[in-house]
Every structure is written in C-alpha cells, then in structure tokens.
Amino acid sequence: MSAVDGTTQPSGAPDALVGLRSIFWAFFRVGMLTIGGGLAMATVIRHELVLRRRWVSDAEFMREMATATLVPGAIAVNIAHLQGRRLRGTAGSAVAILGTVLPAFGIILAVALLALPYFENPVVAAFLRGCAIAVAGQLAFAAFVFARTHLRSVTSVAVCAVTLTVLAVFGVHPVVAMALAGVLGYVLAGDRFRPARIDTAPD
C-alpha cells in the first residue's frame, strides 16, 4: 500500500471481481462529466479508478497511461481498453470503451442537431471560453501529476528537457520528437533494462 495525493492506494487489482455494469458506469461518468480531450480525461479516469474506486494502483495506471499515449488512437479510448481489459478481460474492455465514447457521441449529435445556431450567442460564446480555460487547467494538472510520477531521475529530466527544446526551438514534428526521446532514453538508461551478462568462461 502506498499514499498518493493523501489517499491510501491499493498494491494491485481489487480482491473482488469488478462487475461489468460498474465498469461501464465508471467510464460513462467520466465521459459524461469531462470537458476536453484525452489528456484532460486521463486525470479524471485516474481519480475514478485509483483514488475513488481503488480498482488499480497508481503505478499500474501510470504504466498503462504511458502506453495509451504512445499507441495510435484516442488516449481516453486507449486507457479505457487497457484498464477495462485489466479488470475484466475482453468484456471489460468492450464496456469500458462503450462507456467512454457513448456520452461524447450523444452530446456531439445533440450539439449538431440543436446547438449550432446558438454558438454566436454572447452567453454561449462566453461559456465556451470558460470551458477552454478549464480544459487548460486540467491539462496543467495532468502535466503536474504525470511529471511528478515519471520525472524522478536526472536521466528522465534530461530526456524531457531535450525533447521539449527540440520541439520549441526547431519545430520538428511531434512524432520525430517522440522517436528522439525513445532513442535518447535507451542510450542513457538502457543498461538498467538489459539482462546482465553471465561470464561462462572457465576459471
């Protein structure tokens, strides 16, 4: 057990089997109440699964969060797939993805059918600007949470600093920057993950 954000965290998956209905409603709640993209939703999913329901440990969530951001596709859907599969296998993955995308589908459909004519209304425009500011705050908090977890060594800080510098100064494509970060991380920290050599020469 470890303490994260002042809350006691589980060391692994829940002891009892999590119901498919519970998984669906957990992700449906996130999809319905979160404004913003995948990174903004990631901190809410973490709060729901790690801090509130204690279904997974913070370390497990962070590892799969890293995977979700690297592979193609929407980050929130990738997280739903990975965490749903962890909790209840293929069925858990399916209901988690459904719970994540269903609210967005319904809301976008309703906006397209009913709300588009009102976007120029000053009250609606002010509301949307406020939402944009709130999303910026969510992204800043997500950056803080993930940086606090992953930037715990000089190597990690160096890789992050070099990648941000390449993006900001040289304006390279983000995919190129990610590839550079992977290569640089392997060069600087790869020895920790390579199997130790066993000397088989006779004495």
C-alpha atoms as a PDB file:
ATOM      1  CA  MET A   1       0.000   0.000   0.000  1.00  0.00           C
ATOM      2  CA  SER A   2       1.248   3.499  -0.818  1.00  0.00           C
ATOM      3  CA  ALA A   3      -0.062   7.007  -0.268  1.00  0.00           C
ATOM      4  CA  VAL A   4      -0.808   9.140  -3.318  1.00  0.00           C
ATOM      5  CA  ASP A   5      -2.446  12.564  -3.030  1.00  0.00           C
ATOM      6  CA  GLY A   6      -3.142  11.807   0.627  1.00  0.00           C
ATOM      7  CA  THR A   7      -5.183   8.708  -0.210  1.00  0.00           C
ATOM      8  CA  THR A   8      -4.172   5.135   0.563  1.00  0.00           C
ATOM      9  CA  GLN A   9      -3.592   3.245  -2.657  1.00  0.00           C
ATOM     10  CA  PRO A  10      -4.007  -0.449  -3.425  1.00  0.00           C
ATOM     11  CA  SER A  11      -0.977  -2.504  -4.311  1.00  0.00           C
ATOM     12  CA  GLY A  12      -2.763  -4.276  -7.165  1.00  0.00           C
ATOM     13  CA  ALA A  13      -6.096  -5.229  -8.664  1.00  0.00           C
ATOM     14  CA  PRO A  14      -9.192  -5.386  -6.445  1.00  0.00           C
ATOM     15  CA  ASP A  15      -9.728  -8.560  -4.456  1.00  0.00           C
ATOM     16  CA  ALA A  16     -13.347  -8.963  -5.649  1.00  0.00           C
ATOM     17  CA  LEU A  17     -14.261  -9.316  -9.309  1.00  0.00           C
ATOM     18  CA  VAL A  18     -15.438  -5.975 -10.645  1.00  0.00           C
ATOM     19  CA  GLY A  19     -18.854  -6.106 -12.323  1.00  0.00           C
ATOM     20  CA  LEU A  20     -19.236  -5.140 -15.975  1.00  0.00           C
ATOM     21  CA  ARG A  21     -22.029  -2.745 -15.046  1.00  0.00           C
ATOM     22  CA  SER A  22     -19.763  -0.998 -12.546  1.00  0.00           C
ATOM     23  CA  ILE A  23     -17.010  -0.673 -15.161  1.00  0.00           C
ATOM     24  CA  PHE A  24     -19.454   0.760 -17.695  1.00  0.00           C
ATOM     25  CA  TRP A  25     -20.868   3.359 -15.305  1.00  0.00           C
ATOM     26  CA  ALA A  26     -17.428   4.388 -14.075  1.00  0.00           C
ATOM     27  CA  PHE A  27     -16.272   5.204 -17.603  1.00  0.00           C
ATOM     28  CA  PHE A  28     -19.675   6.601 -18.604  1.00  0.00           C
ATOM     29  CA  ARG A  29     -19.429   9.002 -15.665  1.00  0.00           C
ATOM     30  CA  VAL A  30     -16.009  10.160 -16.873  1.00  0.00           C
ATOM     31  CA  GLY A  31     -17.184  10.562 -20.467  1.00  0.00           C
ATOM     32  CA  MET A  32     -20.316  12.455 -19.450  1.00  0.00           C
ATOM     33  CA  LEU A  33     -18.761  14.893 -16.982  1.00  0.00           C
ATOM     34  CA  THR A  34     -15.331  15.636 -18.508  1.00  0.00           C
ATOM     35  CA  ILE A  35     -14.700  18.517 -20.900  1.00  0.00           C
ATOM     36  CA  GLY A  36     -11.589  18.287 -23.061  1.00  0.00           C
ATOM     37  CA  GLY A  37      -9.561  15.677 -24.867  1.00  0.00           C
ATOM     38  CA  GLY A  38      -7.820  12.506 -23.797  1.00  0.00           C
ATOM     39  CA  LEU A  39      -5.155  14.068 -21.572  1.00  0.00           C
ATOM     40  CA  ALA A  40      -7.784  16.099 -19.750  1.00  0.00           C
ATOM     41  CA  MET A  41      -9.839  12.924 -19.266  1.00  0.00           C
ATOM     42  CA  ALA A  42      -6.807  10.934 -18.092  1.00  0.00           C
ATOM     43  CA  THR A  43      -6.623  12.655 -14.720  1.00  0.00           C
ATOM     44  CA  VAL A  44     -10.366  12.148 -14.205  1.00  0.00           C
ATOM     45  CA  ILE A  45     -10.083   8.448 -15.112  1.00  0.00           C
ATOM     46  CA  ARG A  46      -7.163   8.164 -12.692  1.00  0.00           C
ATOM     47  CA  HIS A  47      -9.233   9.784  -9.939  1.00  0.00           C
ATOM     48  CA  GLU A  48     -12.163   7.447 -10.664  1.00  0.00           C
ATOM     49  CA  LEU A  49     -10.198   4.173 -10.864  1.00  0.00           C
ATOM     50  CA  VAL A  50      -7.272   4.787  -8.494  1.00  0.00           C
ATOM     51  CA  LEU A  51      -8.403   7.260  -5.855  1.00  0.00           C
ATOM     52  CA  ARG A  52     -12.179   6.777  -5.689  1.00  0.00           C
ATOM     53  CA  ARG A  53     -12.803   3.120  -6.509  1.00  0.00           C
ATOM     54  CA  ARG A  54      -9.285   1.740  -5.805  1.00  0.00           C
ATOM     55  CA  TRP A  55      -9.525  -0.771  -8.627  1.00  0.00           C
ATOM     56  CA  VAL A  56      -5.892  -0.358  -9.737  1.00  0.00           C
ATOM     57  CA  SER A  57      -2.732   1.012  -8.176  1.00  0.00           C
ATOM     58  CA  ASP A  58      -1.323   4.359  -9.194  1.00  0.00           C
ATOM     59  CA  ALA A  59       1.842   2.722 -10.564  1.00  0.00           C
ATOM     60  CA  GLU A  60      -0.190   0.359 -12.748  1.00  0.00           C
ATOM     61  CA  PHE A  61      -2.325   3.197 -14.061  1.00  0.00           C
ATOM     62  CA  MET A  62       0.716   5.327 -14.892  1.00  0.00           C
ATOM     63  CA  ARG A  63       2.395   2.489 -16.793  1.00  0.00           C
ATOM     64  CA  GLU A  64      -0.678   1.912 -18.918  1.00  0.00           C
ATOM     65  CA  MET A  65      -1.183   5.654 -19.317  1.00  0.00           C
ATOM     66  CA  ALA A  66       2.261   5.804 -20.920  1.00  0.00           C
ATOM     67  CA  THR A  67       1.271   3.008 -23.301  1.00  0.00           C
ATOM     68  CA  ALA A  68      -2.038   4.727 -24.137  1.00  0.00           C
ATOM     69  CA  THR A  69      -0.274   7.937 -25.138  1.00  0.00           C
ATOM     70  CA  LEU A  70       2.246   6.166 -27.382  1.00  0.00           C
ATOM     71  CA  VAL A  71      -0.010   3.931 -29.481  1.00  0.00           C
ATOM     72  CA  PRO A  72      -2.305   5.364 -32.216  1.00  0.00           C
ATOM     73  CA  GLY A  73      -5.863   6.308 -31.349  1.00  0.00           C
ATOM     74  CA  ALA A  74      -7.727   8.470 -28.868  1.00  0.00           C
ATOM     75  CA  ILE A  75      -5.956   8.483 -25.499  1.00  0.00           C
ATOM     76  CA  ALA A  76      -9.165   8.130 -23.474  1.00  0.00           C
ATOM     77  CA  VAL A  77     -10.285   5.134 -25.562  1.00  0.00           C
ATOM     78  CA  ASN A  78      -6.853   3.531 -25.269  1.00  0.00           C
ATOM     79  CA  ILE A  79      -6.925   3.941 -21.483  1.00  0.00           C
ATOM     80  CA  ALA A  80     -10.458   2.519 -21.342  1.00  0.00           C
ATOM     81  CA  HIS A  81      -9.340  -0.518 -23.341  1.00  0.00           C
ATOM     82  CA  LEU A  82      -6.254  -1.180 -21.195  1.00  0.00           C
ATOM     83  CA  GLN A  83      -7.952  -0.660 -17.834  1.00  0.00           C
ATOM     84  CA  GLY A  84     -11.137  -2.489 -18.815  1.00  0.00           C
ATOM     85  CA  ARG A  85      -9.087  -5.440 -20.014  1.00  0.00           C
ATOM     86  CA  ARG A  86      -7.123  -5.432 -16.753  1.00  0.00           C
ATOM     87  CA  LEU A  87     -10.340  -5.528 -14.710  1.00  0.00           C
ATOM     88  CA  ARG A  88     -12.490  -7.998 -16.691  1.00  0.00           C
ATOM     89  CA  GLY A  89     -10.671  -9.076 -19.834  1.00  0.00           C
ATOM     90  CA  THR A  90     -12.219  -8.589 -23.282  1.00  0.00           C
ATOM     91  CA  ALA A  91     -15.716  -7.939 -21.932  1.00  0.00           C
ATOM     92  CA  GLY A  92     -14.371  -5.331 -19.523  1.00  0.00           C
ATOM     93  CA  SER A  93     -12.518  -3.630 -22.363  1.00  0.00           C
ATOM     94  CA  ALA A  94     -15.668  -3.526 -24.503  1.00  0.00           C
ATOM     95  CA  VAL A  95     -17.916  -1.999 -21.823  1.00  0.00           C
ATOM     96  CA  ALA A  96     -15.221   0.487 -20.748  1.00  0.00           C
ATOM     97  CA  ILE A  97     -14.819   1.738 -24.332  1.00  0.00           C
ATOM     98  CA  LEU A  98     -18.601   1.904 -24.771  1.00  0.00           C
ATOM     99  CA  GLY A  99     -18.988   3.865 -21.554  1.00  0.00           C
ATOM    100  CA  THR A 100     -16.268   6.303 -22.653  1.00  0.00           C
ATOM    101  CA  VAL A 101     -17.486   7.045 -26.186  1.00  0.00           C
ATOM    102  CA  LEU A 102     -21.268   6.857 -25.732  1.00  0.00           C
ATOM    103  CA  PRO A 103     -21.663  10.199 -23.873  1.00  0.00           C
ATOM    104  CA  ALA A 104     -19.429  12.013 -26.391  1.00  0.00           C
ATOM    105  CA  PHE A 105     -21.388  10.538 -29.304  1.00  0.00           C
ATOM    106  CA  GLY A 106     -24.709  11.604 -27.797  1.00  0.00           C
ATOM    107  CA  ILE A 107     -23.516  15.094 -26.868  1.00  0.00           C
ATOM    108  CA  ILE A 108     -21.926  15.774 -30.274  1.00  0.00           C
ATOM    109  CA  LEU A 109     -25.093  14.561 -32.000  1.00  0.00           C
ATOM    110  CA  ALA A 110     -27.228  16.823 -29.824  1.00  0.00           C
ATOM    111  CA  VAL A 111     -24.939  19.791 -30.461  1.00  0.00           C
ATOM    112  CA  ALA A 112     -25.027  19.205 -34.226  1.00  0.00           C
ATOM    113  CA  LEU A 113     -28.810  18.953 -34.248  1.00  0.00           C
ATOM    114  CA  LEU A 114     -29.787  21.599 -31.713  1.00  0.00           C
ATOM    115  CA  ALA A 115     -26.993  23.899 -30.556  1.00  0.00           C
ATOM    116  CA  LEU A 116     -25.048  25.025 -33.659  1.00  0.00           C
ATOM    117  CA  PRO A 117     -27.320  28.028 -34.377  1.00  0.00           C
ATOM    118  CA  TYR A 118     -26.634  29.390 -30.879  1.00  0.00           C
ATOM    119  CA  PHE A 119     -22.807  29.337 -30.946  1.00  0.00           C
ATOM    120  CA  GLU A 120     -22.695  33.041 -31.896  1.00  0.00           C
ATOM    121  CA  ASN A 121     -24.802  33.967 -28.879  1.00  0.00           C
ATOM    122  CA  PRO A 122     -22.611  36.012 -26.461  1.00  0.00           C
ATOM    123  CA  VAL A 123     -23.687  33.936 -23.461  1.00  0.00           C
ATOM    124  CA  VAL A 124     -22.859  30.643 -25.224  1.00  0.00           C
ATOM    125  CA  ALA A 125     -19.566  32.056 -26.531  1.00  0.00           C
ATOM    126  CA  ALA A 126     -18.585  33.165 -23.015  1.00  0.00           C
ATOM    127  CA  PHE A 127     -19.464  29.719 -21.655  1.00  0.00           C
ATOM    128  CA  LEU A 128     -17.258  28.031 -24.275  1.00  0.00           C
ATOM    129  CA  ARG A 129     -14.353  30.371 -23.499  1.00  0.00           C
ATOM    130  CA  GLY A 130     -14.703  29.446 -19.830  1.00  0.00           C
ATOM    131  CA  CYS A 131     -14.658  25.760 -20.773  1.00  0.00           C
ATOM    132  CA  ALA A 132     -11.444  26.310 -22.736  1.00  0.00           C
ATOM    133  CA  ILE A 133      -9.813  27.869 -19.678  1.00  0.00           C
ATOM    134  CA  ALA A 134     -10.994  24.952 -17.528  1.00  0.00           C
ATOM    135  CA  VAL A 135      -9.505  22.464 -20.016  1.00  0.00           C
ATOM    136  CA  ALA A 136      -6.191  24.344 -19.877  1.00  0.00           C
ATOM    137  CA  GLY A 137      -6.243  23.948 -16.101  1.00  0.00           C
ATOM    138  CA  GLN A 138      -6.972  20.223 -16.420  1.00  0.00           C
ATOM    139  CA  LEU A 139      -4.066  19.801 -18.830  1.00  0.00           C
ATOM    140  CA  ALA A 140      -1.747  21.687 -16.482  1.00  0.00           C
ATOM    141  CA  PHE A 141      -2.801  19.435 -13.602  1.00  0.00           C
ATOM    142  CA  ALA A 142      -2.301  16.341 -15.784  1.00  0.00           C
ATOM    143  CA  ALA A 143       1.204  17.538 -16.650  1.00  0.00           C
ATOM    144  CA  PHE A 144       1.956  18.049 -12.953  1.00  0.00           C
ATOM    145  CA  VAL A 145       0.660  14.606 -11.927  1.00  0.00           C
ATOM    146  CA  PHE A 146       2.477  12.702 -14.649  1.00  0.00           C
ATOM    147  CA  ALA A 147       5.704  14.716 -14.293  1.00  0.00           C
ATOM    148  CA  ARG A 148       5.742  14.094 -10.539  1.00  0.00           C
ATOM    149  CA  THR A 149       5.455  10.372 -11.198  1.00  0.00           C
ATOM    150  CA  HIS A 150       7.885   9.967 -14.075  1.00  0.00           C
ATOM    151  CA  LEU A 151      10.492  12.728 -13.695  1.00  0.00           C
ATOM    152  CA  ARG A 152      12.256  11.202 -10.713  1.00  0.00           C
ATOM    153  CA  SER A 153      15.769  10.837 -12.120  1.00  0.00           C
ATOM    154  CA  VAL A 154      18.323  13.027 -13.838  1.00  0.00           C
ATOM    155  CA  THR A 155      18.004  10.871 -16.950  1.00  0.00           C
ATOM    156  CA  SER A 156      14.249  11.375 -17.188  1.00  0.00           C
ATOM    157  CA  VAL A 157      14.564  15.129 -16.685  1.00  0.00           C
ATOM    158  CA  ALA A 158      17.313  15.304 -19.331  1.00  0.00           C
ATOM    159  CA  VAL A 159      15.258  13.381 -21.901  1.00  0.00           C
ATOM    160  CA  CYS A 160      12.227  15.576 -21.237  1.00  0.00           C
ATOM    161  CA  ALA A 161      14.246  18.805 -21.456  1.00  0.00           C
ATOM    162  CA  VAL A 162      15.939  17.810 -24.716  1.00  0.00           C
ATOM    163  CA  THR A 163      12.640  16.766 -26.292  1.00  0.00           C
ATOM    164  CA  LEU A 164      10.872  19.989 -25.293  1.00  0.00           C
ATOM    165  CA  THR A 165      13.819  22.028 -26.583  1.00  0.00           C
ATOM    166  CA  VAL A 166      13.753  20.243 -29.941  1.00  0.00           C
ATOM    167  CA  LEU A 167      10.004  20.843 -30.219  1.00  0.00           C
ATOM    168  CA  ALA A 168      10.114  24.501 -29.178  1.00  0.00           C
ATOM    169  CA  VAL A 169      13.304  25.646 -30.909  1.00  0.00           C
ATOM    170  CA  PHE A 170      13.456  23.541 -34.071  1.00  0.00           C
ATOM    171  CA  GLY A 171       9.737  22.961 -34.560  1.00  0.00           C
ATOM    172  CA  VAL A 172      10.118  19.304 -35.554  1.00  0.00           C
ATOM    173  CA  HIS A 173       7.135  17.012 -35.919  1.00  0.00           C
ATOM    174  CA  PRO A 174       5.988  15.550 -32.572  1.00  0.00           C
ATOM    175  CA  VAL A 175       6.472  12.005 -33.908  1.00  0.00           C
ATOM    176  CA  VAL A 176      10.133  12.806 -34.617  1.00  0.00           C
ATOM    177  CA  ALA A 177      10.486  14.261 -31.125  1.00  0.00           C
ATOM    178  CA  MET A 178       8.976  11.103 -29.597  1.00  0.00           C
ATOM    179  CA  ALA A 179      11.346   8.904 -31.581  1.00  0.00           C
ATOM    180  CA  LEU A 180      14.275  11.057 -30.452  1.00  0.00           C
ATOM    181  CA  ALA A 181      13.138  10.765 -26.825  1.00  0.00           C
ATOM    182  CA  GLY A 182      12.945   6.984 -27.135  1.00  0.00           C
ATOM    183  CA  VAL A 183      16.426   6.708 -28.617  1.00  0.00           C
ATOM    184  CA  LEU A 184      17.891   9.117 -26.082  1.00  0.00           C
ATOM    185  CA  GLY A 185      16.215   7.287 -23.196  1.00  0.00           C
ATOM    186  CA  TYR A 186      17.550   3.949 -24.448  1.00  0.00           C
ATOM    187  CA  VAL A 187      21.081   5.329 -24.752  1.00  0.00           C
ATOM    188  CA  LEU A 188      21.068   6.954 -21.324  1.00  0.00           C
ATOM    189  CA  ALA A 189      19.095   4.395 -19.307  1.00  0.00           C
ATOM    190  CA  GLY A 190      19.058   1.233 -21.395  1.00  0.00           C
ATOM    191  CA  ASP A 191      21.659  -0.513 -19.233  1.00  0.00           C
ATOM    192  CA  ARG A 192      19.148  -0.752 -16.395  1.00  0.00           C
ATOM    193  CA  PHE A 193      16.822  -2.879 -18.549  1.00  0.00           C
ATOM    194  CA  ARG A 194      19.340  -5.069 -20.349  1.00  0.00           C
ATOM    195  CA  PRO A 195      19.948  -8.532 -18.869  1.00  0.00           C
ATOM    196  CA  ALA A 196      23.190  -8.876 -17.008  1.00  0.00           C
ATOM    197  CA  ARG A 197      25.946 -10.737 -18.843  1.00  0.00           C
ATOM    198  CA  ILE A 198      26.893 -14.085 -17.380  1.00  0.00           C
ATOM    199  CA  ASP A 199      30.539 -14.971 -17.667  1.00  0.00           C
ATOM    200  CA  THR A 200      30.677 -18.597 -18.783  1.00  0.00           C
ATOM    201  CA  ALA A 201      34.445 -18.739 -19.247  1.00  0.00           C
ATOM    202  CA  PRO A 202      36.193 -21.382 -17.117  1.00  0.00           C
ATOM    203  CA  ASP A 203      38.084 -20.253 -14.040  1.00  0.00           C
END
